[in-house]
Amino acid sequence: MRQASTALEIATSGQRLYEITREVARWVAEQGLDEGLLTLFCRHTSASLLIQENAAPEVKDDIVAFFGRIAPEDRTLYQHDDEGPDDMPAHLKTALTQVSLTIPLVNGRLALGTWQGLYLFEHRRHPHRRSVVLHLLGE
């Protein structure tokens, strides 16, 4: 059994889904494992990870719009606003999604479905540098 880890640094420019499938798949392929399990971990409380459709761009837009409706930027709703009106809504969006994903590695490839992609979901309006840790265990 072998294991490997790295961190992806992702520059964001505002609220949206940033596809990271290619970068993750490239790193996994470089490890030369056939079978195993990949874990992705987002090291932030105002960004998250999703497995989502990667064919229709409208899906990403609709997801961002939906989360904007269920966690609106309204200072009258929250006590916490240390970093501005998008601060607490960003934390709520992270709480409703995931900061960790686990994907099987089968025959040297991520076992994603045909239309599935890996995304960093940035919940803040301003640019950030996000770190996603990858850990691969297998043989």
N, C-alpha and C. Protein backbone atom coordinates (compact mmCIF):
# COMPACT_ATOMS: atom_id res chain seq x y z
N MET A 1 0.85 -1.18 0.00
CA MET A 1 0.00 0.00 0.00
C MET A 1 0.90 1.24 0.00
N ARG A 2 0.58 2.18 -0.88
CA ARG A 2 1.31 3.44 -0.96
C ARG A 2 0.36 4.59 -0.68
N GLN A 3 0.95 5.72 -0.31
CA GLN A 3 0.15 6.93 -0.17
C GLN A 3 0.96 8.12 -0.64
N ALA A 4 0.23 9.13 -1.07
CA ALA A 4 0.85 10.37 -1.52
C ALA A 4 -0.09 11.51 -1.20
N SER A 5 0.48 12.70 -1.04
CA SER A 5 -0.36 13.87 -0.78
C SER A 5 0.27 15.10 -1.40
N THR A 6 -0.57 16.07 -1.66
CA THR A 6 -0.15 17.36 -2.19
C THR A 6 -1.24 18.37 -1.87
N ALA A 7 -1.00 19.62 -2.18
CA ALA A 7 -2.01 20.66 -2.02
C ALA A 7 -2.14 21.42 -3.34
N LEU A 8 -3.35 21.61 -3.78
CA LEU A 8 -3.64 22.45 -4.93
C LEU A 8 -3.94 23.85 -4.42
N GLU A 9 -3.35 24.85 -5.06
CA GLU A 9 -3.66 26.24 -4.73
C GLU A 9 -4.52 26.79 -5.85
N ILE A 10 -5.68 27.31 -5.51
CA ILE A 10 -6.64 27.78 -6.49
C ILE A 10 -6.91 29.26 -6.26
N ALA A 11 -6.66 30.06 -7.28
CA ALA A 11 -6.97 31.49 -7.20
C ALA A 11 -8.42 31.69 -7.63
N THR A 12 -9.20 32.32 -6.78
CA THR A 12 -10.59 32.57 -7.12
C THR A 12 -10.78 34.07 -7.35
N SER A 13 -11.84 34.39 -8.08
CA SER A 13 -12.11 35.80 -8.37
C SER A 13 -13.53 36.19 -7.98
N GLY A 14 -14.15 35.39 -7.13
CA GLY A 14 -15.50 35.70 -6.68
C GLY A 14 -16.35 34.46 -6.58
N GLN A 15 -17.61 34.67 -6.23
CA GLN A 15 -18.54 33.57 -5.99
C GLN A 15 -18.84 32.81 -7.27
N ARG A 16 -18.38 31.57 -7.31
CA ARG A 16 -18.72 30.67 -8.41
C ARG A 16 -18.06 29.33 -8.17
N LEU A 17 -18.35 28.37 -9.05
CA LEU A 17 -17.75 27.05 -8.99
C LEU A 17 -16.54 27.03 -9.91
N TYR A 18 -15.41 26.59 -9.40
CA TYR A 18 -14.16 26.50 -10.14
C TYR A 18 -13.84 25.03 -10.35
N GLU A 19 -13.87 24.58 -11.60
CA GLU A 19 -13.62 23.17 -11.86
C GLU A 19 -12.14 22.85 -11.66
N ILE A 20 -11.88 21.78 -10.90
CA ILE A 20 -10.51 21.36 -10.61
C ILE A 20 -10.26 19.91 -11.06
N THR A 21 -11.19 19.35 -11.83
CA THR A 21 -11.10 17.94 -12.23
C THR A 21 -9.79 17.62 -12.93
N ARG A 22 -9.41 18.42 -13.91
CA ARG A 22 -8.19 18.13 -14.69
C ARG A 22 -6.94 18.12 -13.83
N GLU A 23 -6.82 19.14 -12.97
CA GLU A 23 -5.63 19.23 -12.12
C GLU A 23 -5.55 18.04 -11.17
N VAL A 24 -6.70 17.66 -10.60
CA VAL A 24 -6.73 16.53 -9.68
C VAL A 24 -6.40 15.24 -10.43
N ALA A 25 -7.03 15.02 -11.57
CA ALA A 25 -6.80 13.79 -12.36
C ALA A 25 -5.35 13.70 -12.82
N ARG A 26 -4.77 14.83 -13.19
CA ARG A 26 -3.36 14.84 -13.62
C ARG A 26 -2.45 14.40 -12.48
N TRP A 27 -2.67 14.96 -11.29
CA TRP A 27 -1.84 14.59 -10.14
C TRP A 27 -2.02 13.11 -9.80
N VAL A 28 -3.26 12.63 -9.81
CA VAL A 28 -3.53 11.22 -9.51
C VAL A 28 -2.80 10.32 -10.51
N ALA A 29 -2.86 10.65 -11.79
CA ALA A 29 -2.18 9.84 -12.82
C ALA A 29 -0.67 9.80 -12.58
N GLU A 30 -0.10 10.92 -12.17
CA GLU A 30 1.34 10.98 -11.91
C GLU A 30 1.78 10.06 -10.78
N GLN A 31 0.86 9.66 -9.91
CA GLN A 31 1.21 8.80 -8.78
C GLN A 31 1.36 7.34 -9.19
N GLY A 32 0.82 6.96 -10.35
CA GLY A 32 1.01 5.61 -10.88
C GLY A 32 0.32 4.50 -10.11
N LEU A 33 -0.75 4.81 -9.42
CA LEU A 33 -1.50 3.78 -8.70
C LEU A 33 -2.65 3.27 -9.55
N ASP A 34 -3.03 2.00 -9.35
CA ASP A 34 -4.14 1.41 -10.10
C ASP A 34 -5.46 1.43 -9.33
N GLU A 35 -5.39 1.12 -8.05
CA GLU A 35 -6.59 1.03 -7.21
C GLU A 35 -6.34 1.84 -5.94
N GLY A 36 -7.38 2.47 -5.45
CA GLY A 36 -7.19 3.21 -4.22
C GLY A 36 -8.34 4.14 -3.92
N LEU A 37 -8.05 5.11 -3.08
CA LEU A 37 -9.05 6.06 -2.63
C LEU A 37 -8.41 7.44 -2.53
N LEU A 38 -9.03 8.41 -3.17
CA LEU A 38 -8.57 9.79 -3.12
C LEU A 38 -9.47 10.58 -2.19
N THR A 39 -8.85 11.32 -1.29
CA THR A 39 -9.58 12.25 -0.43
C THR A 39 -9.14 13.66 -0.79
N LEU A 40 -10.11 14.55 -0.95
CA LEU A 40 -9.86 15.98 -1.15
C LEU A 40 -10.38 16.70 0.08
N PHE A 41 -9.61 17.67 0.57
CA PHE A 41 -10.02 18.42 1.75
C PHE A 41 -9.77 19.90 1.52
N CYS A 42 -10.83 20.70 1.64
CA CYS A 42 -10.75 22.16 1.50
C CYS A 42 -10.42 22.76 2.85
N ARG A 43 -9.34 23.54 2.91
CA ARG A 43 -8.84 24.07 4.19
C ARG A 43 -9.42 25.44 4.54
N HIS A 44 -10.70 25.62 4.28
CA HIS A 44 -11.32 26.93 4.50
C HIS A 44 -12.72 26.79 5.06
N THR A 45 -13.21 27.85 5.71
CA THR A 45 -14.57 27.85 6.26
C THR A 45 -15.53 28.69 5.43
N SER A 46 -15.04 29.24 4.32
CA SER A 46 -15.91 30.03 3.45
C SER A 46 -15.79 29.60 1.99
N ALA A 47 -15.38 28.35 1.78
CA ALA A 47 -15.35 27.72 0.46
C ALA A 47 -15.57 26.23 0.71
N SER A 48 -16.03 25.53 -0.31
CA SER A 48 -16.32 24.11 -0.13
C SER A 48 -16.03 23.34 -1.41
N LEU A 49 -16.32 22.05 -1.37
CA LEU A 49 -16.08 21.16 -2.51
C LEU A 49 -17.38 20.53 -2.95
N LEU A 50 -17.52 20.33 -4.26
CA LEU A 50 -18.70 19.67 -4.81
C LEU A 50 -18.29 18.73 -5.92
N ILE A 51 -19.05 17.66 -6.06
CA ILE A 51 -19.05 16.86 -7.28
C ILE A 51 -20.34 17.26 -7.98
N GLN A 52 -20.21 17.75 -9.20
CA GLN A 52 -21.38 18.29 -9.87
C GLN A 52 -21.26 18.10 -11.38
N GLU A 53 -22.34 18.33 -12.07
CA GLU A 53 -22.37 18.20 -13.53
C GLU A 53 -21.34 19.13 -14.15
N ASN A 54 -20.62 18.62 -15.15
CA ASN A 54 -19.62 19.46 -15.82
C ASN A 54 -19.92 19.66 -17.30
N ALA A 55 -21.16 19.41 -17.72
CA ALA A 55 -21.51 19.56 -19.13
C ALA A 55 -22.25 20.87 -19.39
N ALA A 56 -23.28 21.16 -18.63
CA ALA A 56 -24.10 22.35 -18.85
C ALA A 56 -23.66 23.47 -17.92
N PRO A 57 -23.11 24.57 -18.46
CA PRO A 57 -22.64 25.66 -17.60
C PRO A 57 -23.75 26.30 -16.76
N GLU A 58 -25.00 26.18 -17.21
CA GLU A 58 -26.11 26.77 -16.46
C GLU A 58 -26.27 26.13 -15.09
N VAL A 59 -25.86 24.87 -14.95
CA VAL A 59 -25.97 24.20 -13.66
C VAL A 59 -25.17 24.96 -12.61
N LYS A 60 -23.95 25.34 -12.96
CA LYS A 60 -23.10 26.07 -12.00
C LYS A 60 -23.74 27.40 -11.62
N ASP A 61 -24.25 28.12 -12.61
CA ASP A 61 -24.90 29.40 -12.33
C ASP A 61 -26.12 29.24 -11.43
N ASP A 62 -26.91 28.19 -11.71
CA ASP A 62 -28.11 27.95 -10.91
C ASP A 62 -27.76 27.58 -9.47
N ILE A 63 -26.69 26.83 -9.27
CA ILE A 63 -26.27 26.46 -7.92
C ILE A 63 -25.86 27.70 -7.14
N VAL A 64 -25.06 28.57 -7.75
CA VAL A 64 -24.64 29.80 -7.07
C VAL A 64 -25.87 30.65 -6.73
N ALA A 65 -26.80 30.78 -7.67
CA ALA A 65 -28.01 31.58 -7.43
C ALA A 65 -28.86 30.98 -6.31
N PHE A 66 -29.00 29.66 -6.30
CA PHE A 66 -29.80 29.00 -5.27
C PHE A 66 -29.21 29.24 -3.88
N PHE A 67 -27.89 29.06 -3.75
CA PHE A 67 -27.27 29.27 -2.44
C PHE A 67 -27.35 30.74 -2.03
N GLY A 68 -27.38 31.65 -3.00
CA GLY A 68 -27.57 33.06 -2.68
C GLY A 68 -28.95 33.33 -2.09
N ARG A 69 -29.93 32.54 -2.51
CA ARG A 69 -31.29 32.71 -1.97
C ARG A 69 -31.43 32.10 -0.59
N ILE A 70 -30.78 30.97 -0.33
CA ILE A 70 -30.97 30.33 0.98
C ILE A 70 -30.04 30.89 2.06
N ALA A 71 -28.99 31.58 1.65
CA ALA A 71 -28.09 32.26 2.60
C ALA A 71 -27.79 33.65 2.05
N PRO A 72 -28.77 34.54 2.11
CA PRO A 72 -28.61 35.87 1.50
C PRO A 72 -27.64 36.77 2.27
N GLU A 73 -27.10 37.72 1.56
CA GLU A 73 -26.24 38.73 2.18
C GLU A 73 -27.14 39.84 2.74
N ASP A 74 -27.46 39.72 4.01
CA ASP A 74 -28.34 40.67 4.67
C ASP A 74 -27.85 40.82 6.10
N ARG A 75 -27.19 41.93 6.39
CA ARG A 75 -26.59 42.14 7.71
C ARG A 75 -27.60 42.09 8.85
N THR A 76 -28.88 42.27 8.55
CA THR A 76 -29.88 42.22 9.62
C THR A 76 -30.17 40.79 10.06
N LEU A 77 -29.70 39.79 9.31
CA LEU A 77 -29.97 38.39 9.63
C LEU A 77 -28.93 37.74 10.53
N TYR A 78 -27.72 38.33 10.60
CA TYR A 78 -26.60 37.66 11.26
C TYR A 78 -25.90 38.58 12.26
N GLN A 79 -25.32 37.97 13.26
CA GLN A 79 -24.48 38.70 14.20
C GLN A 79 -23.06 38.83 13.66
N HIS A 80 -22.57 37.78 13.02
CA HIS A 80 -21.18 37.73 12.54
C HIS A 80 -21.07 38.38 11.16
N ASP A 81 -20.28 39.46 11.10
CA ASP A 81 -20.01 40.09 9.80
C ASP A 81 -18.63 40.74 9.81
N ASP A 82 -17.67 40.07 10.45
CA ASP A 82 -16.32 40.62 10.63
C ASP A 82 -15.67 41.03 9.31
N GLU A 83 -15.93 40.29 8.26
CA GLU A 83 -15.27 40.56 6.97
C GLU A 83 -16.24 41.06 5.91
N GLY A 84 -17.39 41.55 6.32
CA GLY A 84 -18.34 42.11 5.36
C GLY A 84 -19.62 41.32 5.27
N PRO A 85 -20.55 41.79 4.44
CA PRO A 85 -21.88 41.19 4.36
C PRO A 85 -21.90 39.78 3.77
N ASP A 86 -20.83 39.37 3.08
CA ASP A 86 -20.81 38.00 2.52
C ASP A 86 -20.13 37.01 3.47
N ASP A 87 -19.68 37.48 4.63
CA ASP A 87 -18.92 36.63 5.56
C ASP A 87 -19.77 35.50 6.14
N MET A 88 -20.82 35.82 6.87
CA MET A 88 -21.64 34.76 7.48
C MET A 88 -22.36 33.93 6.43
N PRO A 89 -22.91 34.51 5.37
CA PRO A 89 -23.51 33.67 4.34
C PRO A 89 -22.51 32.65 3.77
N ALA A 90 -21.24 33.04 3.66
CA ALA A 90 -20.23 32.11 3.16
C ALA A 90 -20.06 30.93 4.12
N HIS A 91 -20.06 31.20 5.41
CA HIS A 91 -19.95 30.12 6.39
C HIS A 91 -21.16 29.18 6.33
N LEU A 92 -22.35 29.75 6.15
CA LEU A 92 -23.56 28.92 6.04
C LEU A 92 -23.52 28.04 4.80
N LYS A 93 -23.07 28.60 3.69
CA LYS A 93 -22.98 27.82 2.44
C LYS A 93 -22.00 26.67 2.59
N THR A 94 -20.90 26.92 3.30
CA THR A 94 -19.94 25.84 3.55
C THR A 94 -20.57 24.77 4.44
N ALA A 95 -21.32 25.19 5.46
CA ALA A 95 -21.96 24.23 6.36
C ALA A 95 -22.98 23.36 5.62
N LEU A 96 -23.58 23.89 4.57
CA LEU A 96 -24.60 23.16 3.82
C LEU A 96 -24.01 22.29 2.71
N THR A 97 -22.74 22.44 2.44
CA THR A 97 -22.10 21.65 1.39
C THR A 97 -21.07 20.73 2.05
N GLN A 98 -19.87 20.65 1.49
CA GLN A 98 -18.86 19.72 2.01
C GLN A 98 -17.48 20.36 1.93
N VAL A 99 -16.63 20.02 2.88
CA VAL A 99 -15.23 20.43 2.77
C VAL A 99 -14.34 19.23 2.46
N SER A 100 -14.93 18.04 2.37
CA SER A 100 -14.16 16.84 2.09
C SER A 100 -14.92 15.95 1.11
N LEU A 101 -14.19 15.39 0.14
CA LEU A 101 -14.75 14.43 -0.81
C LEU A 101 -13.87 13.20 -0.85
N THR A 102 -14.47 12.05 -1.10
CA THR A 102 -13.73 10.81 -1.25
C THR A 102 -14.16 10.16 -2.56
N ILE A 103 -13.16 9.81 -3.40
CA ILE A 103 -13.45 9.25 -4.72
C ILE A 103 -12.60 8.00 -4.92
N PRO A 104 -13.22 6.89 -5.32
CA PRO A 104 -12.44 5.68 -5.60
C PRO A 104 -11.55 5.86 -6.84
N LEU A 105 -10.43 5.18 -6.81
CA LEU A 105 -9.52 5.10 -7.95
C LEU A 105 -9.64 3.67 -8.48
N VAL A 106 -10.05 3.52 -9.73
CA VAL A 106 -10.26 2.21 -10.34
C VAL A 106 -9.51 2.17 -11.66
N ASN A 107 -8.65 1.17 -11.82
CA ASN A 107 -7.85 1.04 -13.04
C ASN A 107 -7.08 2.32 -13.36
N GLY A 108 -6.55 2.95 -12.33
CA GLY A 108 -5.73 4.13 -12.50
C GLY A 108 -6.47 5.42 -12.77
N ARG A 109 -7.81 5.39 -12.70
CA ARG A 109 -8.61 6.58 -12.99
C ARG A 109 -9.61 6.86 -11.89
N LEU A 110 -9.93 8.13 -11.71
CA LEU A 110 -10.98 8.48 -10.76
C LEU A 110 -12.30 7.90 -11.25
N ALA A 111 -13.06 7.31 -10.36
CA ALA A 111 -14.31 6.64 -10.73
C ALA A 111 -15.47 7.64 -10.77
N LEU A 112 -15.27 8.75 -11.47
CA LEU A 112 -16.33 9.74 -11.63
C LEU A 112 -17.28 9.31 -12.74
N GLY A 113 -18.53 9.69 -12.61
CA GLY A 113 -19.51 9.42 -13.65
C GLY A 113 -19.26 10.28 -14.88
N THR A 114 -19.94 9.97 -15.94
CA THR A 114 -19.75 10.63 -17.23
C THR A 114 -19.83 12.15 -17.14
N TRP A 115 -20.80 12.66 -16.41
CA TRP A 115 -21.00 14.11 -16.37
C TRP A 115 -20.52 14.74 -15.07
N GLN A 116 -19.77 14.00 -14.26
CA GLN A 116 -19.34 14.53 -12.97
C GLN A 116 -17.99 15.23 -13.07
N GLY A 117 -17.90 16.37 -12.42
CA GLY A 117 -16.65 17.10 -12.29
C GLY A 117 -16.44 17.48 -10.83
N LEU A 118 -15.19 17.80 -10.49
CA LEU A 118 -14.82 18.23 -9.15
C LEU A 118 -14.72 19.75 -9.13
N TYR A 119 -15.32 20.36 -8.13
CA TYR A 119 -15.36 21.81 -8.07
C TYR A 119 -15.00 22.34 -6.69
N LEU A 120 -14.26 23.45 -6.69
CA LEU A 120 -14.13 24.29 -5.51
C LEU A 120 -15.26 25.30 -5.62
N PHE A 121 -16.07 25.43 -4.60
CA PHE A 121 -17.20 26.36 -4.57
C PHE A 121 -16.78 27.54 -3.70
N GLU A 122 -16.45 28.65 -4.35
CA GLU A 122 -16.06 29.88 -3.65
C GLU A 122 -17.31 30.61 -3.22
N HIS A 123 -17.42 30.89 -1.91
CA HIS A 123 -18.60 31.54 -1.37
C HIS A 123 -18.41 33.03 -1.10
N ARG A 124 -17.20 33.52 -1.27
CA ARG A 124 -16.93 34.94 -1.02
C ARG A 124 -16.92 35.71 -2.34
N ARG A 125 -17.25 37.01 -2.28
CA ARG A 125 -17.29 37.85 -3.48
C ARG A 125 -15.92 38.30 -3.95
N HIS A 126 -14.97 38.41 -3.04
CA HIS A 126 -13.66 38.95 -3.40
C HIS A 126 -12.67 37.83 -3.71
N PRO A 127 -11.62 38.12 -4.44
CA PRO A 127 -10.61 37.10 -4.78
C PRO A 127 -9.95 36.51 -3.53
N HIS A 128 -9.67 35.23 -3.60
CA HIS A 128 -8.97 34.51 -2.54
C HIS A 128 -8.02 33.49 -3.14
N ARG A 129 -7.10 33.02 -2.34
CA ARG A 129 -6.27 31.86 -2.70
C ARG A 129 -6.73 30.73 -1.80
N ARG A 130 -7.21 29.68 -2.42
CA ARG A 130 -7.76 28.55 -1.68
C ARG A 130 -6.82 27.35 -1.80
N SER A 131 -6.76 26.57 -0.74
CA SER A 131 -5.91 25.39 -0.69
C SER A 131 -6.79 24.15 -0.53
N VAL A 132 -6.58 23.19 -1.44
CA VAL A 132 -7.28 21.90 -1.35
C VAL A 132 -6.21 20.83 -1.24
N VAL A 133 -6.24 20.08 -0.14
CA VAL A 133 -5.27 19.02 0.09
C VAL A 133 -5.80 17.73 -0.54
N LEU A 134 -4.91 17.05 -1.29
CA LEU A 134 -5.25 15.77 -1.90
C LEU A 134 -4.45 14.69 -1.19
N HIS A 135 -5.10 13.59 -0.87
CA HIS A 135 -4.41 12.45 -0.25
C HIS A 135 -4.88 11.18 -0.97
N LEU A 136 -3.92 10.45 -1.53
CA LEU A 136 -4.22 9.25 -2.28
C LEU A 136 -3.62 8.05 -1.55
N LEU A 137 -4.46 7.05 -1.36
CA LEU A 137 -4.02 5.80 -0.70
C LEU A 137 -4.38 4.66 -1.63
N GLY A 138 -3.40 3.81 -1.95
CA GLY A 138 -3.72 2.70 -2.84
C GLY A 138 -2.49 1.90 -3.24
N GLU A 139 -2.67 1.14 -4.31
CA GLU A 139 -1.56 0.33 -4.83
C GLU A 139 -1.65 0.23 -6.34
